[in-house]
Amino acid sequence: MNLQQLEYIVAVDQHRHFAHAAEACFVTQPTLSMMIRKLEDELDTRIFDRSRQPVVPTETGVQIIEQARRVLRETAMLAEIVERRKTDPEGTLQIGIIPTLAPYLVPLFIRSFLVNYPKVQLKIAEHTTNVLLDLLKRGQLDVGILVTPLNQPSFRETPVFHEALMVYSSHDHDKQYILPEEIDPNELWLLEEGHCFRSQILNLCELRKKPFDNLDYAAGSIETLIRLVETQKGITVLPELATKGMSLSRRRRLVPFAPPVPVREVSLVTDRDHVKKHLIDLLQQEILSNLPREILEEREFHRIGIEVG
């Protein structure tokens, strides 16, 4: 048994296809298949059910693959120990981020990170929370930038900042503040199912209604919500970073919530057995260094929960 064999079975589990796994591991399919067969013979058990397409692990195989992931993570820690002692960090950091954060947060820190750490390769992917958690669990991501709390003990959450929520309306407001109970559910535009930001707004306003009984529109982005409000009337709720850089005419349509301000907690989320702690710490520093000052100011707030399926 060797580490290469463990990498191969993890790759097959990820791709559910021997040829695709071999390509990802930069070996020929016969070589990968032979190495996995040798491991199965050594363990005297079948790890994969090859009669099914896509290929799936056997019941015992599932446990073996999970243990292989743990072994590979522990092995990677050896490189991490050495990396921490370097003054010039290097390596690859695979980051996942939810779509309601990515367009507003990534542009703030990415250039600074790349300039400060030119030997670190960033790989960034946008997915919904449930997809990111699955990728973290499979070891296909090093860290997720997510809204928390997730209330899932298999993950470690490191809160980075709290982002205020505010109302965006189709007309100018002279109100200083608004209360959640003042929001008319018949005028509220929401994101489609699967976005944690949608569940936060439902929790905040205690809503389950749609804007119009004869329309079922599943908005896929915050920018879509803004345009819907402007062209079709009504209101929506926006996270604070999405309002930065707005024109003056748009800012007149924003109304803050009354204190304590509802916020979403943004955290770095890792698998509990994660590696690359040094690079993740650098990522946190870059995010904090490049956030707008007002987001980091102390204020009275209450954290809105999310629902993760």
C-alpha atoms as a PDB file:
ATOM      1  CA  MET A   1       0.000   0.000   0.000  1.00  0.00           C
ATOM      2  CA  ASN A   2       1.310   3.479  -0.866  1.00  0.00           C
ATOM      3  CA  LEU A   3       0.121   7.083  -1.017  1.00  0.00           C
ATOM      4  CA  GLN A   4      -0.183   6.974  -4.798  1.00  0.00           C
ATOM      5  CA  GLN A   5      -2.763   4.203  -4.555  1.00  0.00           C
ATOM      6  CA  LEU A   6      -4.719   6.237  -2.016  1.00  0.00           C
ATOM      7  CA  GLU A   7      -4.651   9.243  -4.357  1.00  0.00           C
ATOM      8  CA  TYR A   8      -5.976   7.063  -7.168  1.00  0.00           C
ATOM      9  CA  ILE A   9      -8.977   5.730  -5.245  1.00  0.00           C
ATOM     10  CA  VAL A  10      -9.855   9.245  -4.060  1.00  0.00           C
ATOM     11  CA  ALA A  11      -9.662  10.456  -7.673  1.00  0.00           C
ATOM     12  CA  VAL A  12     -11.972   7.682  -8.897  1.00  0.00           C
ATOM     13  CA  ASP A  13     -14.422   8.526  -6.127  1.00  0.00           C
ATOM     14  CA  GLN A  14     -14.376  12.181  -7.181  1.00  0.00           C
ATOM     15  CA  HIS A  15     -14.790  11.570 -10.905  1.00  0.00           C
ATOM     16  CA  ARG A  16     -16.786   8.286 -10.750  1.00  0.00           C
ATOM     17  CA  HIS A  17     -14.977   7.285 -13.930  1.00  0.00           C
ATOM     18  CA  PHE A  18     -11.624   5.470 -14.261  1.00  0.00           C
ATOM     19  CA  ALA A  19     -10.532   7.244 -17.454  1.00  0.00           C
ATOM     20  CA  HIS A  20     -11.338  10.714 -16.074  1.00  0.00           C
ATOM     21  CA  ALA A  21      -9.589   9.903 -12.805  1.00  0.00           C
ATOM     22  CA  ALA A  22      -6.495   8.704 -14.676  1.00  0.00           C
ATOM     23  CA  GLU A  23      -6.446  11.920 -16.693  1.00  0.00           C
ATOM     24  CA  ALA A  24      -6.691  13.999 -13.514  1.00  0.00           C
ATOM     25  CA  CYS A  25      -3.782  12.031 -11.994  1.00  0.00           C
ATOM     26  CA  PHE A  26      -1.673  12.308 -15.177  1.00  0.00           C
ATOM     27  CA  VAL A  27      -1.357   8.533 -15.643  1.00  0.00           C
ATOM     28  CA  THR A  28      -2.773   6.053 -18.122  1.00  0.00           C
ATOM     29  CA  GLN A  29      -6.014   4.296 -17.276  1.00  0.00           C
ATOM     30  CA  PRO A  30      -4.374   0.810 -17.282  1.00  0.00           C
ATOM     31  CA  THR A  31      -1.774   2.045 -14.769  1.00  0.00           C
ATOM     32  CA  LEU A  32      -4.413   3.528 -12.460  1.00  0.00           C
ATOM     33  CA  SER A  33      -6.655   0.452 -12.712  1.00  0.00           C
ATOM     34  CA  MET A  34      -3.724  -1.896 -12.029  1.00  0.00           C
ATOM     35  CA  MET A  35      -2.642   0.059  -8.941  1.00  0.00           C
ATOM     36  CA  ILE A  36      -6.170   0.062  -7.542  1.00  0.00           C
ATOM     37  CA  ARG A  37      -6.494  -3.687  -8.228  1.00  0.00           C
ATOM     38  CA  LYS A  38      -3.275  -4.297  -6.308  1.00  0.00           C
ATOM     39  CA  LEU A  39      -4.637  -2.312  -3.363  1.00  0.00           C
ATOM     40  CA  GLU A  40      -7.912  -4.258  -3.436  1.00  0.00           C
ATOM     41  CA  ASP A  41      -5.994  -7.564  -3.550  1.00  0.00           C
ATOM     42  CA  GLU A  42      -3.821  -6.452  -0.639  1.00  0.00           C
ATOM     43  CA  LEU A  43      -6.876  -5.499   1.421  1.00  0.00           C
ATOM     44  CA  ASP A  44      -8.798  -8.544   0.158  1.00  0.00           C
ATOM     45  CA  THR A  45     -11.873  -6.459  -0.645  1.00  0.00           C
ATOM     46  CA  ARG A  46     -13.379  -4.604  -3.571  1.00  0.00           C
ATOM     47  CA  ILE A  47     -13.312  -0.804  -3.214  1.00  0.00           C
ATOM     48  CA  PHE A  48     -15.383  -0.020  -6.329  1.00  0.00           C
ATOM     49  CA  ASP A  49     -18.377  -1.634  -7.987  1.00  0.00           C
ATOM     50  CA  ARG A  50     -17.228  -1.666 -11.604  1.00  0.00           C
ATOM     51  CA  SER A  51     -20.500  -3.142 -12.883  1.00  0.00           C
ATOM     52  CA  ARG A  52     -22.273   0.184 -12.434  1.00  0.00           C
ATOM     53  CA  GLN A  53     -21.920   3.340 -14.505  1.00  0.00           C
ATOM     54  CA  PRO A  54     -20.891   5.740 -13.213  1.00  0.00           C
ATOM     55  CA  VAL A  55     -18.651   3.626 -11.036  1.00  0.00           C
ATOM     56  CA  VAL A  56     -19.485   3.798  -7.304  1.00  0.00           C
ATOM     57  CA  PRO A  57     -17.691   2.674  -4.149  1.00  0.00           C
ATOM     58  CA  THR A  58     -18.802  -0.474  -2.378  1.00  0.00           C
ATOM     59  CA  GLU A  59     -20.079  -0.186   1.169  1.00  0.00           C
ATOM     60  CA  THR A  60     -16.616  -1.067   2.485  1.00  0.00           C
ATOM     61  CA  GLY A  61     -15.054   1.123  -0.187  1.00  0.00           C
ATOM     62  CA  VAL A  62     -16.784   4.211   1.180  1.00  0.00           C
ATOM     63  CA  GLN A  63     -15.043   3.720   4.528  1.00  0.00           C
ATOM     64  CA  ILE A  64     -11.678   2.983   2.914  1.00  0.00           C
ATOM     65  CA  ILE A  65     -11.882   6.119   0.752  1.00  0.00           C
ATOM     66  CA  GLU A  66     -12.753   8.297   3.742  1.00  0.00           C
ATOM     67  CA  GLN A  67      -9.768   6.902   5.617  1.00  0.00           C
ATOM     68  CA  ALA A  68      -7.601   7.509   2.530  1.00  0.00           C
ATOM     69  CA  ARG A  69      -8.673  11.150   2.519  1.00  0.00           C
ATOM     70  CA  ARG A  70      -7.638  11.486   6.158  1.00  0.00           C
ATOM     71  CA  VAL A  71      -4.252   9.880   5.480  1.00  0.00           C
ATOM     72  CA  LEU A  72      -3.623  12.193   2.520  1.00  0.00           C
ATOM     73  CA  ARG A  73      -4.606  15.246   4.583  1.00  0.00           C
ATOM     74  CA  GLU A  74      -2.237  14.231   7.370  1.00  0.00           C
ATOM     75  CA  THR A  75       0.533  13.690   4.824  1.00  0.00           C
ATOM     76  CA  ALA A  76      -0.096  17.133   3.356  1.00  0.00           C
ATOM     77  CA  MET A  77       0.438  18.555   6.838  1.00  0.00           C
ATOM     78  CA  LEU A  78       4.131  17.678   6.515  1.00  0.00           C
ATOM     79  CA  ALA A  79       4.443  20.113   3.617  1.00  0.00           C
ATOM     80  CA  GLU A  80       2.368  22.655   5.536  1.00  0.00           C
ATOM     81  CA  ILE A  81       4.793  22.522   8.485  1.00  0.00           C
ATOM     82  CA  VAL A  82       7.677  23.355   6.148  1.00  0.00           C
ATOM     83  CA  GLU A  83       5.633  26.032   4.327  1.00  0.00           C
ATOM     84  CA  ARG A  84       4.912  27.901   7.556  1.00  0.00           C
ATOM     85  CA  ARG A  85       8.621  28.429   8.105  1.00  0.00           C
ATOM     86  CA  LYS A  86       9.127  30.055   4.713  1.00  0.00           C
ATOM     87  CA  THR A  87       9.228  33.827   4.435  1.00  0.00           C
ATOM     88  CA  ASP A  88       7.957  33.638   0.852  1.00  0.00           C
ATOM     89  CA  PRO A  89       4.805  31.471   0.865  1.00  0.00           C
ATOM     90  CA  GLU A  90       4.049  29.303  -2.142  1.00  0.00           C
ATOM     91  CA  GLY A  91       1.570  26.650  -3.208  1.00  0.00           C
ATOM     92  CA  THR A  92      -2.029  26.464  -4.408  1.00  0.00           C
ATOM     93  CA  LEU A  93      -5.056  27.635  -2.443  1.00  0.00           C
ATOM     94  CA  GLN A  94      -8.431  26.399  -3.678  1.00  0.00           C
ATOM     95  CA  ILE A  95     -11.180  28.763  -2.539  1.00  0.00           C
ATOM     96  CA  GLY A  96     -14.933  28.384  -2.834  1.00  0.00           C
ATOM     97  CA  ILE A  97     -17.272  31.331  -2.373  1.00  0.00           C
ATOM     98  CA  ILE A  98     -21.028  31.828  -2.541  1.00  0.00           C
ATOM     99  CA  PRO A  99     -22.403  33.882  -5.483  1.00  0.00           C
ATOM    100  CA  THR A 100     -23.967  36.562  -3.262  1.00  0.00           C
ATOM    101  CA  LEU A 101     -20.503  37.412  -1.904  1.00  0.00           C
ATOM    102  CA  ALA A 102     -18.157  36.772  -4.821  1.00  0.00           C
ATOM    103  CA  PRO A 103     -18.758  39.840  -7.046  1.00  0.00           C
ATOM    104  CA  TYR A 104     -18.456  42.237  -4.112  1.00  0.00           C
ATOM    105  CA  LEU A 105     -15.758  40.660  -1.939  1.00  0.00           C
ATOM    106  CA  VAL A 106     -13.288  39.010  -4.344  1.00  0.00           C
ATOM    107  CA  PRO A 107     -12.412  42.242  -6.229  1.00  0.00           C
ATOM    108  CA  LEU A 108     -11.503  43.876  -2.911  1.00  0.00           C
ATOM    109  CA  PHE A 109      -8.693  41.505  -1.956  1.00  0.00           C
ATOM    110  CA  ILE A 110      -7.603  39.493  -5.004  1.00  0.00           C
ATOM    111  CA  ARG A 111      -5.121  41.967  -6.517  1.00  0.00           C
ATOM    112  CA  SER A 112      -3.519  42.690  -3.145  1.00  0.00           C
ATOM    113  CA  PHE A 113      -3.168  38.959  -2.418  1.00  0.00           C
ATOM    114  CA  LEU A 114      -1.618  38.178  -5.802  1.00  0.00           C
ATOM    115  CA  VAL A 115       0.860  41.058  -5.525  1.00  0.00           C
ATOM    116  CA  ASN A 116       1.877  40.238  -1.952  1.00  0.00           C
ATOM    117  CA  TYR A 117       2.165  36.479  -2.528  1.00  0.00           C
ATOM    118  CA  PRO A 118       3.225  35.972  -6.148  1.00  0.00           C
ATOM    119  CA  LYS A 119       4.170  32.310  -5.576  1.00  0.00           C
ATOM    120  CA  VAL A 120       0.685  31.371  -4.359  1.00  0.00           C
ATOM    121  CA  GLN A 121      -1.711  30.135  -7.047  1.00  0.00           C
ATOM    122  CA  LEU A 122      -5.347  30.999  -6.281  1.00  0.00           C
ATOM    123  CA  LYS A 123      -8.149  28.865  -7.684  1.00  0.00           C
ATOM    124  CA  ILE A 124     -11.556  30.392  -6.958  1.00  0.00           C
ATOM    125  CA  ALA A 125     -14.937  28.810  -7.706  1.00  0.00           C
ATOM    126  CA  GLU A 126     -18.470  30.099  -7.089  1.00  0.00           C
ATOM    127  CA  HIS A 127     -21.125  27.679  -5.870  1.00  0.00           C
ATOM    128  CA  THR A 128     -24.083  27.611  -3.498  1.00  0.00           C
ATOM    129  CA  THR A 129     -23.450  26.700   0.143  1.00  0.00           C
ATOM    130  CA  ASN A 130     -24.482  23.044  -0.115  1.00  0.00           C
ATOM    131  CA  VAL A 131     -22.215  22.431  -3.120  1.00  0.00           C
ATOM    132  CA  LEU A 132     -19.269  24.126  -1.396  1.00  0.00           C
ATOM    133  CA  LEU A 133     -19.711  22.041   1.746  1.00  0.00           C
ATOM    134  CA  ASP A 134     -19.703  18.873  -0.344  1.00  0.00           C
ATOM    135  CA  LEU A 135     -16.507  19.986  -2.130  1.00  0.00           C
ATOM    136  CA  LEU A 136     -14.863  20.800   1.213  1.00  0.00           C
ATOM    137  CA  LYS A 137     -15.842  17.407   2.568  1.00  0.00           C
ATOM    138  CA  ARG A 138     -14.360  15.695  -0.506  1.00  0.00           C
ATOM    139  CA  GLY A 139     -11.113  17.634  -0.196  1.00  0.00           C
ATOM    140  CA  GLN A 140     -11.631  19.433  -3.509  1.00  0.00           C
ATOM    141  CA  LEU A 141     -11.499  22.831  -1.782  1.00  0.00           C
ATOM    142  CA  ASP A 142      -9.146  24.131   0.891  1.00  0.00           C
ATOM    143  CA  VAL A 143     -11.477  26.808   2.250  1.00  0.00           C
ATOM    144  CA  GLY A 144     -14.941  28.213   1.677  1.00  0.00           C
ATOM    145  CA  ILE A 145     -16.001  31.836   2.154  1.00  0.00           C
ATOM    146  CA  LEU A 146     -19.525  31.310   3.433  1.00  0.00           C
ATOM    147  CA  VAL A 147     -22.280  32.775   5.541  1.00  0.00           C
ATOM    148  CA  THR A 148     -22.518  31.134   8.945  1.00  0.00           C
ATOM    149  CA  PRO A 149     -23.412  29.624  11.382  1.00  0.00           C
ATOM    150  CA  LEU A 150     -23.773  26.291   9.584  1.00  0.00           C
ATOM    151  CA  ASN A 151     -24.323  24.252  12.762  1.00  0.00           C
ATOM    152  CA  GLN A 152     -22.396  21.329  11.254  1.00  0.00           C
ATOM    153  CA  PRO A 153     -19.750  19.918  13.621  1.00  0.00           C
ATOM    154  CA  SER A 154     -17.647  18.430  10.796  1.00  0.00           C
ATOM    155  CA  PHE A 155     -16.615  21.944   9.700  1.00  0.00           C
ATOM    156  CA  ARG A 156     -14.578  24.661  11.399  1.00  0.00           C
ATOM    157  CA  GLU A 157     -15.914  28.225  11.089  1.00  0.00           C
ATOM    158  CA  THR A 158     -13.702  31.279  11.527  1.00  0.00           C
ATOM    159  CA  PRO A 159     -15.853  34.469  11.494  1.00  0.00           C
ATOM    160  CA  VAL A 160     -14.171  37.286   9.567  1.00  0.00           C
ATOM    161  CA  PHE A 161     -16.732  40.111   9.459  1.00  0.00           C
ATOM    162  CA  HIS A 162     -20.413  40.957   9.843  1.00  0.00           C
ATOM    163  CA  GLU A 163     -22.200  42.539   6.909  1.00  0.00           C
ATOM    164  CA  ALA A 164     -25.292  44.669   7.532  1.00  0.00           C
ATOM    165  CA  LEU A 165     -28.518  44.058   5.609  1.00  0.00           C
ATOM    166  CA  MET A 166     -30.557  46.953   4.227  1.00  0.00           C
ATOM    167  CA  VAL A 167     -33.694  47.552   2.200  1.00  0.00           C
ATOM    168  CA  TYR A 168     -33.590  48.658  -1.452  1.00  0.00           C
ATOM    169  CA  SER A 169     -36.832  50.209  -2.688  1.00  0.00           C
ATOM    170  CA  SER A 170     -38.282  51.254  -6.046  1.00  0.00           C
ATOM    171  CA  HIS A 171     -38.665  54.809  -4.781  1.00  0.00           C
ATOM    172  CA  ASP A 172     -36.684  57.279  -2.686  1.00  0.00           C
ATOM    173  CA  HIS A 173     -37.197  57.096   1.076  1.00  0.00           C
ATOM    174  CA  ASP A 174     -37.171  59.778   3.712  1.00  0.00           C
ATOM    175  CA  LYS A 175     -37.245  57.196   6.522  1.00  0.00           C
ATOM    176  CA  GLN A 176     -34.237  57.039   8.798  1.00  0.00           C
ATOM    177  CA  TYR A 177     -34.819  53.370   9.645  1.00  0.00           C
ATOM    178  CA  ILE A 178     -37.123  50.496   8.806  1.00  0.00           C
ATOM    179  CA  LEU A 179     -38.289  47.536  10.880  1.00  0.00           C
ATOM    180  CA  PRO A 180     -38.513  43.987   9.451  1.00  0.00           C
ATOM    181  CA  GLU A 181     -42.217  43.831  10.268  1.00  0.00           C
ATOM    182  CA  GLU A 182     -42.828  46.906   8.123  1.00  0.00           C
ATOM    183  CA  ILE A 183     -41.845  45.027   4.956  1.00  0.00           C
ATOM    184  CA  ASP A 184     -44.808  44.088   2.783  1.00  0.00           C
ATOM    185  CA  PRO A 185     -44.284  40.446   1.656  1.00  0.00           C
ATOM    186  CA  ASN A 186     -46.292  41.158  -1.493  1.00  0.00           C
ATOM    187  CA  GLU A 187     -43.648  43.672  -2.613  1.00  0.00           C
ATOM    188  CA  LEU A 188     -40.529  41.683  -1.725  1.00  0.00           C
ATOM    189  CA  TRP A 189     -38.252  40.183  -4.389  1.00  0.00           C
ATOM    190  CA  LEU A 190     -36.147  37.167  -3.332  1.00  0.00           C
ATOM    191  CA  LEU A 191     -33.390  34.975  -4.720  1.00  0.00           C
ATOM    192  CA  GLU A 192     -34.149  31.474  -5.950  1.00  0.00           C
ATOM    193  CA  GLU A 193     -34.118  28.437  -3.679  1.00  0.00           C
ATOM    194  CA  GLY A 194     -30.650  27.177  -2.779  1.00  0.00           C
ATOM    195  CA  HIS A 195     -29.151  30.561  -1.881  1.00  0.00           C
ATOM    196  CA  CYS A 196     -28.501  30.942   1.851  1.00  0.00           C
ATOM    197  CA  PHE A 197     -29.173  34.677   1.481  1.00  0.00           C
ATOM    198  CA  ARG A 198     -32.777  33.847   0.546  1.00  0.00           C
ATOM    199  CA  SER A 199     -33.242  31.835   3.737  1.00  0.00           C
ATOM    200  CA  GLN A 200     -31.793  34.703   5.778  1.00  0.00           C
ATOM    201  CA  ILE A 201     -34.325  37.177   4.400  1.00  0.00           C
ATOM    202  CA  LEU A 202     -37.168  34.739   5.005  1.00  0.00           C
ATOM    203  CA  ASN A 203     -35.963  34.336   8.601  1.00  0.00           C
ATOM    204  CA  LEU A 204     -35.514  38.084   9.051  1.00  0.00           C
ATOM    205  CA  CYS A 205     -38.962  39.011   7.772  1.00  0.00           C
ATOM    206  CA  GLU A 206     -40.684  35.766   8.803  1.00  0.00           C
ATOM    207  CA  LEU A 207     -41.997  35.402   5.258  1.00  0.00           C
ATOM    208  CA  ARG A 208     -42.989  32.585   2.963  1.00  0.00           C
ATOM    209  CA  LYS A 209     -44.886  34.562   0.305  1.00  0.00           C
ATOM    210  CA  LYS A 210     -44.020  35.529  -3.271  1.00  0.00           C
ATOM    211  CA  PRO A 211     -44.152  39.106  -4.657  1.00  0.00           C
ATOM    212  CA  PHE A 212     -46.985  38.254  -7.077  1.00  0.00           C
ATOM    213  CA  ASP A 213     -49.420  35.344  -6.967  1.00  0.00           C
ATOM    214  CA  ASN A 214     -49.345  34.979 -10.760  1.00  0.00           C
ATOM    215  CA  LEU A 215     -45.536  35.118 -11.129  1.00  0.00           C
ATOM    216  CA  ASP A 216     -42.923  32.560 -10.076  1.00  0.00           C
ATOM    217  CA  TYR A 217     -39.582  34.232 -10.808  1.00  0.00           C
ATOM    218  CA  ALA A 218     -36.398  32.674  -9.426  1.00  0.00           C
ATOM    219  CA  ALA A 219     -33.770  35.408  -9.377  1.00  0.00           C
ATOM    220  CA  GLY A 220     -30.238  34.058  -9.613  1.00  0.00           C
ATOM    221  CA  SER A 221     -28.237  37.078  -8.487  1.00  0.00           C
ATOM    222  CA  ILE A 222     -28.377  40.206  -6.365  1.00  0.00           C
ATOM    223  CA  GLU A 223     -27.938  42.358  -9.469  1.00  0.00           C
ATOM    224  CA  THR A 224     -31.120  40.786 -10.879  1.00  0.00           C
ATOM    225  CA  LEU A 225     -32.971  41.715  -7.698  1.00  0.00           C
ATOM    226  CA  ILE A 226     -31.806  45.324  -7.992  1.00  0.00           C
ATOM    227  CA  ARG A 227     -32.986  45.545 -11.603  1.00  0.00           C
ATOM    228  CA  LEU A 228     -36.334  43.933 -10.761  1.00  0.00           C
ATOM    229  CA  VAL A 229     -36.948  46.541  -8.072  1.00  0.00           C
ATOM    230  CA  GLU A 230     -36.069  49.356 -10.465  1.00  0.00           C
ATOM    231  CA  THR A 231     -38.158  48.140 -13.400  1.00  0.00           C
ATOM    232  CA  GLN A 232     -41.013  46.203 -11.781  1.00  0.00           C
ATOM    233  CA  LYS A 233     -41.361  48.135  -8.503  1.00  0.00           C
ATOM    234  CA  GLY A 234     -41.331  46.585  -5.055  1.00  0.00           C
ATOM    235  CA  ILE A 235     -38.426  46.125  -2.639  1.00  0.00           C
ATOM    236  CA  THR A 236     -35.607  43.727  -1.854  1.00  0.00           C
ATOM    237  CA  VAL A 237     -32.996  43.285   0.874  1.00  0.00           C
ATOM    238  CA  LEU A 238     -29.318  43.735   0.023  1.00  0.00           C
ATOM    239  CA  PRO A 239     -26.085  42.878   1.833  1.00  0.00           C
ATOM    240  CA  GLU A 240     -23.884  45.849   2.657  1.00  0.00           C
ATOM    241  CA  LEU A 241     -21.029  45.081   0.244  1.00  0.00           C
ATOM    242  CA  ALA A 242     -23.470  45.024  -2.679  1.00  0.00           C
ATOM    243  CA  THR A 243     -24.318  48.678  -1.992  1.00  0.00           C
ATOM    244  CA  LYS A 244     -20.724  49.944  -2.134  1.00  0.00           C
ATOM    245  CA  GLY A 245     -20.034  51.925  -5.283  1.00  0.00           C
ATOM    246  CA  MET A 246     -23.723  52.535  -5.974  1.00  0.00           C
ATOM    247  CA  SER A 247     -24.641  55.763  -7.735  1.00  0.00           C
ATOM    248  CA  LEU A 248     -26.191  58.550  -5.684  1.00  0.00           C
ATOM    249  CA  SER A 249     -29.605  57.938  -7.274  1.00  0.00           C
ATOM    250  CA  ARG A 250     -29.497  54.305  -6.200  1.00  0.00           C
ATOM    251  CA  ARG A 251     -28.228  55.116  -2.723  1.00  0.00           C
ATOM    252  CA  ARG A 252     -31.302  57.303  -2.180  1.00  0.00           C
ATOM    253  CA  ARG A 253     -33.373  54.127  -2.403  1.00  0.00           C
ATOM    254  CA  LEU A 254     -31.531  52.424   0.450  1.00  0.00           C
ATOM    255  CA  VAL A 255     -33.033  52.305   3.932  1.00  0.00           C
ATOM    256  CA  PRO A 256     -31.109  50.818   6.885  1.00  0.00           C
ATOM    257  CA  PHE A 257     -32.788  48.626   9.454  1.00  0.00           C
ATOM    258  CA  ALA A 258     -33.255  49.986  12.954  1.00  0.00           C
ATOM    259  CA  PRO A 259     -30.657  48.905  15.535  1.00  0.00           C
ATOM    260  CA  PRO A 260     -29.782  46.257  16.430  1.00  0.00           C
ATOM    261  CA  VAL A 261     -28.885  45.967  12.741  1.00  0.00           C
ATOM    262  CA  PRO A 262     -29.522  42.550  11.154  1.00  0.00           C
ATOM    263  CA  VAL A 263     -26.268  41.167   9.723  1.00  0.00           C
ATOM    264  CA  ARG A 264     -24.972  38.124   7.937  1.00  0.00           C
ATOM    265  CA  GLU A 265     -21.837  36.590   9.408  1.00  0.00           C
ATOM    266  CA  VAL A 266     -19.131  35.869   6.809  1.00  0.00           C
ATOM    267  CA  SER A 267     -16.639  33.168   7.762  1.00  0.00           C
ATOM    268  CA  LEU A 268     -13.798  31.090   6.426  1.00  0.00           C
ATOM    269  CA  VAL A 269     -15.006  27.500   6.576  1.00  0.00           C
ATOM    270  CA  THR A 270     -12.722  24.475   6.459  1.00  0.00           C
ATOM    271  CA  ASP A 271     -12.949  20.772   7.021  1.00  0.00           C
ATOM    272  CA  ARG A 272     -11.889  20.062  10.602  1.00  0.00           C
ATOM    273  CA  ASP A 273      -8.880  18.100   9.320  1.00  0.00           C
ATOM    274  CA  HIS A 274      -7.884  20.867   6.908  1.00  0.00           C
ATOM    275  CA  VAL A 275      -4.346  21.693   5.895  1.00  0.00           C
ATOM    276  CA  LYS A 276      -2.791  24.855   4.403  1.00  0.00           C
ATOM    277  CA  LYS A 277      -3.545  26.797   7.578  1.00  0.00           C
ATOM    278  CA  HIS A 278      -0.767  29.261   6.808  1.00  0.00           C
ATOM    279  CA  LEU A 279      -2.200  30.204   3.403  1.00  0.00           C
ATOM    280  CA  ILE A 280      -5.721  30.436   4.837  1.00  0.00           C
ATOM    281  CA  ASP A 281      -4.463  32.778   7.562  1.00  0.00           C
ATOM    282  CA  LEU A 282      -2.911  34.968   4.849  1.00  0.00           C
ATOM    283  CA  LEU A 283      -6.231  34.979   3.001  1.00  0.00           C
ATOM    284  CA  GLN A 284      -8.018  36.168   6.139  1.00  0.00           C
ATOM    285  CA  GLN A 285      -5.484  38.955   6.635  1.00  0.00           C
ATOM    286  CA  GLU A 286      -5.902  40.160   3.054  1.00  0.00           C
ATOM    287  CA  ILE A 287      -9.698  40.185   3.330  1.00  0.00           C
ATOM    288  CA  LEU A 288      -9.625  42.179   6.564  1.00  0.00           C
ATOM    289  CA  SER A 289      -7.027  44.608   5.212  1.00  0.00           C
ATOM    290  CA  ASN A 290      -9.125  45.456   2.164  1.00  0.00           C
ATOM    291  CA  LEU A 291     -12.646  45.669   3.575  1.00  0.00           C
ATOM    292  CA  PRO A 292     -14.352  49.083   3.741  1.00  0.00           C
ATOM    293  CA  ARG A 293     -13.632  50.586   7.155  1.00  0.00           C
ATOM    294  CA  GLU A 294     -17.300  50.980   8.117  1.00  0.00           C
ATOM    295  CA  ILE A 295     -17.914  47.230   7.864  1.00  0.00           C
ATOM    296  CA  LEU A 296     -15.318  46.613  10.571  1.00  0.00           C
ATOM    297  CA  GLU A 297     -16.623  49.323  12.907  1.00  0.00           C
ATOM    298  CA  GLU A 298     -18.290  48.172  16.106  1.00  0.00           C
ATOM    299  CA  ARG A 299     -22.084  48.438  16.035  1.00  0.00           C
ATOM    300  CA  GLU A 300     -25.115  46.954  17.715  1.00  0.00           C
ATOM    301  CA  PHE A 301     -26.287  44.040  15.583  1.00  0.00           C
ATOM    302  CA  HIS A 302     -28.034  40.701  15.613  1.00  0.00           C
ATOM    303  CA  ARG A 303     -26.949  37.796  13.436  1.00  0.00           C
ATOM    304  CA  ILE A 304     -29.543  36.301  11.084  1.00  0.00           C
ATOM    305  CA  GLY A 305     -29.465  32.520  10.824  1.00  0.00           C
ATOM    306  CA  ILE A 306     -29.456  30.521   7.625  1.00  0.00           C
ATOM    307  CA  GLU A 307     -30.906  27.168   6.631  1.00  0.00           C
ATOM    308  CA  VAL A 308     -28.598  24.629   5.045  1.00  0.00           C
ATOM    309  CA  GLY A 309     -30.195  21.627   3.389  1.00  0.00           C
END
